[in-house]
Amino acid sequence: MTDVGFYHLLHWPLERALPKLLEKALERGHRAVVLTGSKERAEDLNAVLWTYEDRSWLPHGTMGDGNAEAQPIYLTAGDENPNGADVLVAVDGREPANGESYARIIDMFDGRNDAMVAAARTRWRGYLDQGFTLTYWQQTEAGGWEKKA
């Protein structure tokens, strides 16, 4: 059964928090798809992953880079999994059409935006109705994550 973790961004923006979660996924041997709200957003995050830290690098790409199947991290606005990922990171309020095909879904949402919080609550209920295992993580001031009940 798919585990869904909701990650409530409060202190760091997505562009700063996303790379850290992707690093952990790769360290644990996972492949990831990042599902974005638009092609432009996928390209913006693609650029972020090249420049988020001077001494860090995450192997990743988008459709524009080609060889999607070879990318450990694939950024897309389409509901696709060309790299055989077992982790989906959904941003911009996106929800996959087929969540069961992933071992884990990470749903990242901006806690400073009331509309995004309300939409996350709706997605939570939807995942719950589908029988997924759910967890809720709140961002700490240091950029880490605290699991909440």
C-alpha atoms as a PDB file:
ATOM      1  CA  MET A   1       0.000   0.000   0.000  1.00  0.00           C
ATOM      2  CA  THR A   2       1.211   3.475  -0.857  1.00  0.00           C
ATOM      3  CA  ASP A   3       2.386   5.733   1.971  1.00  0.00           C
ATOM      4  CA  VAL A   4       1.500   9.401   1.543  1.00  0.00           C
ATOM      5  CA  GLY A   5       3.418  12.019   3.496  1.00  0.00           C
ATOM      6  CA  PHE A   6       2.101  15.568   3.602  1.00  0.00           C
ATOM      7  CA  TYR A   7       4.939  18.077   4.017  1.00  0.00           C
ATOM      8  CA  HIS A   8       3.701  21.436   5.314  1.00  0.00           C
ATOM      9  CA  LEU A   9       6.135  24.171   4.262  1.00  0.00           C
ATOM     10  CA  LEU A  10       6.234  26.958   6.848  1.00  0.00           C
ATOM     11  CA  HIS A  11       9.738  28.446   6.927  1.00  0.00           C
ATOM     12  CA  TRP A  12      11.633  27.473   3.786  1.00  0.00           C
ATOM     13  CA  PRO A  13      10.253  27.810   0.266  1.00  0.00           C
ATOM     14  CA  LEU A  14       9.779  24.726  -1.899  1.00  0.00           C
ATOM     15  CA  GLU A  15      12.890  25.584  -3.905  1.00  0.00           C
ATOM     16  CA  ARG A  16      15.019  25.210  -0.793  1.00  0.00           C
ATOM     17  CA  ALA A  17      13.210  22.267   0.864  1.00  0.00           C
ATOM     18  CA  LEU A  18      12.655  20.049  -2.198  1.00  0.00           C
ATOM     19  CA  PRO A  19      16.339  19.318  -2.903  1.00  0.00           C
ATOM     20  CA  LYS A  20      16.859  18.099   0.665  1.00  0.00           C
ATOM     21  CA  LEU A  21      13.981  15.603   0.419  1.00  0.00           C
ATOM     22  CA  LEU A  22      15.236  14.429  -2.972  1.00  0.00           C
ATOM     23  CA  GLU A  23      18.738  13.932  -1.546  1.00  0.00           C
ATOM     24  CA  LYS A  24      17.285  11.654   1.135  1.00  0.00           C
ATOM     25  CA  ALA A  25      15.280   9.682  -1.408  1.00  0.00           C
ATOM     26  CA  LEU A  26      18.385   9.036  -3.526  1.00  0.00           C
ATOM     27  CA  GLU A  27      20.475   8.152  -0.455  1.00  0.00           C
ATOM     28  CA  ARG A  28      17.897   5.461   0.335  1.00  0.00           C
ATOM     29  CA  GLY A  29      18.109   4.016  -3.172  1.00  0.00           C
ATOM     30  CA  HIS A  30      14.869   5.456  -4.543  1.00  0.00           C
ATOM     31  CA  ARG A  31      14.078   6.976  -7.911  1.00  0.00           C
ATOM     32  CA  ALA A  32      11.719   9.957  -7.942  1.00  0.00           C
ATOM     33  CA  VAL A  33       9.275  11.797 -10.164  1.00  0.00           C
ATOM     34  CA  VAL A  34       8.502  15.418  -9.265  1.00  0.00           C
ATOM     35  CA  LEU A  35       4.999  16.246 -10.494  1.00  0.00           C
ATOM     36  CA  THR A  36       4.598  19.998 -11.040  1.00  0.00           C
ATOM     37  CA  GLY A  37       1.781  22.320 -12.035  1.00  0.00           C
ATOM     38  CA  SER A  38       3.263  23.289 -15.415  1.00  0.00           C
ATOM     39  CA  LYS A  39       6.130  22.631 -17.841  1.00  0.00           C
ATOM     40  CA  GLU A  40       7.540  26.023 -16.886  1.00  0.00           C
ATOM     41  CA  ARG A  41       7.537  25.071 -13.217  1.00  0.00           C
ATOM     42  CA  ALA A  42       9.298  21.790 -14.029  1.00  0.00           C
ATOM     43  CA  GLU A  43      11.986  23.736 -15.904  1.00  0.00           C
ATOM     44  CA  ASP A  44      12.312  26.259 -13.052  1.00  0.00           C
ATOM     45  CA  LEU A  45      12.820  23.446 -10.523  1.00  0.00           C
ATOM     46  CA  ASN A  46      15.218  21.772 -12.943  1.00  0.00           C
ATOM     47  CA  ALA A  47      17.368  24.915 -12.781  1.00  0.00           C
ATOM     48  CA  VAL A  48      17.069  25.027  -8.974  1.00  0.00           C
ATOM     49  CA  LEU A  49      18.416  21.481  -8.661  1.00  0.00           C
ATOM     50  CA  TRP A  50      21.555  22.542 -10.535  1.00  0.00           C
ATOM     51  CA  THR A  51      22.221  25.552  -8.308  1.00  0.00           C
ATOM     52  CA  TYR A  52      20.689  24.963  -4.848  1.00  0.00           C
ATOM     53  CA  GLU A  53      24.091  24.465  -3.159  1.00  0.00           C
ATOM     54  CA  ASP A  54      27.641  24.965  -4.355  1.00  0.00           C
ATOM     55  CA  ARG A  55      28.832  21.522  -3.264  1.00  0.00           C
ATOM     56  CA  SER A  56      25.764  19.428  -4.009  1.00  0.00           C
ATOM     57  CA  TRP A  57      24.435  17.847  -7.154  1.00  0.00           C
ATOM     58  CA  LEU A  58      21.368  15.760  -7.807  1.00  0.00           C
ATOM     59  CA  PRO A  59      21.172  13.697 -11.007  1.00  0.00           C
ATOM     60  CA  HIS A  60      17.943  14.814 -12.660  1.00  0.00           C
ATOM     61  CA  GLY A  61      16.260  15.891 -15.851  1.00  0.00           C
ATOM     62  CA  THR A  62      13.101  16.848 -17.711  1.00  0.00           C
ATOM     63  CA  MET A  63      11.600  15.866 -21.043  1.00  0.00           C
ATOM     64  CA  GLY A  64      13.789  18.508 -22.652  1.00  0.00           C
ATOM     65  CA  ASP A  65      16.921  16.729 -21.454  1.00  0.00           C
ATOM     66  CA  GLY A  66      16.005  13.397 -23.052  1.00  0.00           C
ATOM     67  CA  ASN A  67      16.748   9.909 -21.716  1.00  0.00           C
ATOM     68  CA  ALA A  68      13.926  10.113 -19.176  1.00  0.00           C
ATOM     69  CA  GLU A  69      14.324   6.444 -18.287  1.00  0.00           C
ATOM     70  CA  ALA A  70      17.914   7.070 -17.145  1.00  0.00           C
ATOM     71  CA  GLN A  71      17.098  10.002 -14.838  1.00  0.00           C
ATOM     72  CA  PRO A  72      17.105   9.136 -11.104  1.00  0.00           C
ATOM     73  CA  ILE A  73      14.946  12.254 -10.598  1.00  0.00           C
ATOM     74  CA  TYR A  74      12.525  13.243 -13.339  1.00  0.00           C
ATOM     75  CA  LEU A  75      10.617  16.544 -13.261  1.00  0.00           C
ATOM     76  CA  THR A  76       7.380  16.752 -15.224  1.00  0.00           C
ATOM     77  CA  ALA A  77       3.982  18.395 -15.475  1.00  0.00           C
ATOM     78  CA  GLY A  78       2.564  15.204 -17.003  1.00  0.00           C
ATOM     79  CA  ASP A  79       1.126  12.269 -15.136  1.00  0.00           C
ATOM     80  CA  GLU A  80       3.921   9.912 -16.142  1.00  0.00           C
ATOM     81  CA  ASN A  81       6.634   7.731 -14.651  1.00  0.00           C
ATOM     82  CA  PRO A  82       9.203   7.211 -17.411  1.00  0.00           C
ATOM     83  CA  ASN A  83      12.108   6.504 -15.037  1.00  0.00           C
ATOM     84  CA  GLY A  84      10.374   3.735 -13.069  1.00  0.00           C
ATOM     85  CA  ALA A  85      10.279   5.856  -9.905  1.00  0.00           C
ATOM     86  CA  ASP A  86       8.932   4.430  -6.658  1.00  0.00           C
ATOM     87  CA  VAL A  87       8.637   7.900  -5.051  1.00  0.00           C
ATOM     88  CA  LEU A  88       6.434  10.698  -6.334  1.00  0.00           C
ATOM     89  CA  VAL A  89       6.896  14.243  -5.070  1.00  0.00           C
ATOM     90  CA  ALA A  90       3.765  16.257  -5.849  1.00  0.00           C
ATOM     91  CA  VAL A  91       3.996  20.047  -5.735  1.00  0.00           C
ATOM     92  CA  ASP A  92       1.737  22.922  -6.810  1.00  0.00           C
ATOM     93  CA  GLY A  93      -1.324  21.056  -5.550  1.00  0.00           C
ATOM     94  CA  ARG A  94      -0.900  18.197  -8.025  1.00  0.00           C
ATOM     95  CA  GLU A  95      -2.236  14.718  -7.348  1.00  0.00           C
ATOM     96  CA  PRO A  96      -1.325  11.669  -9.438  1.00  0.00           C
ATOM     97  CA  ALA A  97      -4.001   9.818 -11.388  1.00  0.00           C
ATOM     98  CA  ASN A  98      -2.578   6.492 -10.213  1.00  0.00           C
ATOM     99  CA  GLY A  99      -1.042   6.863  -6.762  1.00  0.00           C
ATOM    100  CA  GLU A 100      -0.988   3.089  -6.224  1.00  0.00           C
ATOM    101  CA  SER A 101       1.918   2.776  -8.649  1.00  0.00           C
ATOM    102  CA  TYR A 102       4.267   4.436  -6.124  1.00  0.00           C
ATOM    103  CA  ALA A 103       5.566   3.119  -2.810  1.00  0.00           C
ATOM    104  CA  ARG A 104       5.568   6.665  -1.416  1.00  0.00           C
ATOM    105  CA  ILE A 105       3.988   9.975  -2.329  1.00  0.00           C
ATOM    106  CA  ILE A 106       5.361  13.196  -0.868  1.00  0.00           C
ATOM    107  CA  ASP A 107       2.803  15.992  -1.091  1.00  0.00           C
ATOM    108  CA  MET A 108       4.515  19.334  -0.457  1.00  0.00           C
ATOM    109  CA  PHE A 109       2.338  22.389   0.114  1.00  0.00           C
ATOM    110  CA  ASP A 110       2.820  26.014   1.137  1.00  0.00           C
ATOM    111  CA  GLY A 111       1.444  26.490   4.646  1.00  0.00           C
ATOM    112  CA  ARG A 112       1.460  30.265   4.266  1.00  0.00           C
ATOM    113  CA  ASN A 113      -1.140  30.095   1.498  1.00  0.00           C
ATOM    114  CA  ASP A 114      -4.677  29.450   2.787  1.00  0.00           C
ATOM    115  CA  ALA A 115      -5.896  28.132  -0.559  1.00  0.00           C
ATOM    116  CA  MET A 116      -3.018  25.628  -0.724  1.00  0.00           C
ATOM    117  CA  VAL A 117      -3.719  24.470   2.844  1.00  0.00           C
ATOM    118  CA  ALA A 118      -7.413  23.963   2.028  1.00  0.00           C
ATOM    119  CA  ALA A 119      -6.517  22.053  -1.139  1.00  0.00           C
ATOM    120  CA  ALA A 120      -4.086  19.860   0.845  1.00  0.00           C
ATOM    121  CA  ARG A 121      -6.884  19.008   3.274  1.00  0.00           C
ATOM    122  CA  THR A 122      -9.057  17.937   0.341  1.00  0.00           C
ATOM    123  CA  ARG A 123      -6.254  15.758  -1.041  1.00  0.00           C
ATOM    124  CA  TRP A 124      -5.752  14.270   2.450  1.00  0.00           C
ATOM    125  CA  ARG A 125      -9.420  13.199   2.563  1.00  0.00           C
ATOM    126  CA  GLY A 126      -9.151  11.795  -0.959  1.00  0.00           C
ATOM    127  CA  TYR A 127      -6.099   9.696  -0.117  1.00  0.00           C
ATOM    128  CA  LEU A 128      -7.738   8.560   3.118  1.00  0.00           C
ATOM    129  CA  ASP A 129     -10.830   7.444   1.182  1.00  0.00           C
ATOM    130  CA  GLN A 130      -8.541   5.410  -1.106  1.00  0.00           C
ATOM    131  CA  GLY A 131      -7.097   3.581   1.894  1.00  0.00           C
ATOM    132  CA  PHE A 132      -3.573   5.018   1.741  1.00  0.00           C
ATOM    133  CA  THR A 133      -1.415   5.260   4.860  1.00  0.00           C
ATOM    134  CA  LEU A 134      -1.021   8.973   5.707  1.00  0.00           C
ATOM    135  CA  THR A 135       1.506  10.958   7.713  1.00  0.00           C
ATOM    136  CA  TYR A 136       1.784  14.685   8.324  1.00  0.00           C
ATOM    137  CA  TRP A 137       5.106  16.490   8.631  1.00  0.00           C
ATOM    138  CA  GLN A 138       5.490  20.124   9.640  1.00  0.00           C
ATOM    139  CA  GLN A 139       8.584  22.081   8.684  1.00  0.00           C
ATOM    140  CA  THR A 140      10.753  23.355  11.535  1.00  0.00           C
ATOM    141  CA  GLU A 141      12.498  26.728  11.537  1.00  0.00           C
ATOM    142  CA  ALA A 142      15.803  24.975  10.812  1.00  0.00           C
ATOM    143  CA  GLY A 143      14.304  23.421   7.678  1.00  0.00           C
ATOM    144  CA  GLY A 144      13.889  19.938   9.114  1.00  0.00           C
ATOM    145  CA  TRP A 145      10.627  18.079   9.556  1.00  0.00           C
ATOM    146  CA  GLU A 146       8.647  17.194  12.655  1.00  0.00           C
ATOM    147  CA  LYS A 147       6.101  14.382  12.438  1.00  0.00           C
ATOM    148  CA  LYS A 148       2.761  15.429  13.898  1.00  0.00           C
ATOM    149  CA  ALA A 149      -0.049  13.177  15.140  1.00  0.00           C
END
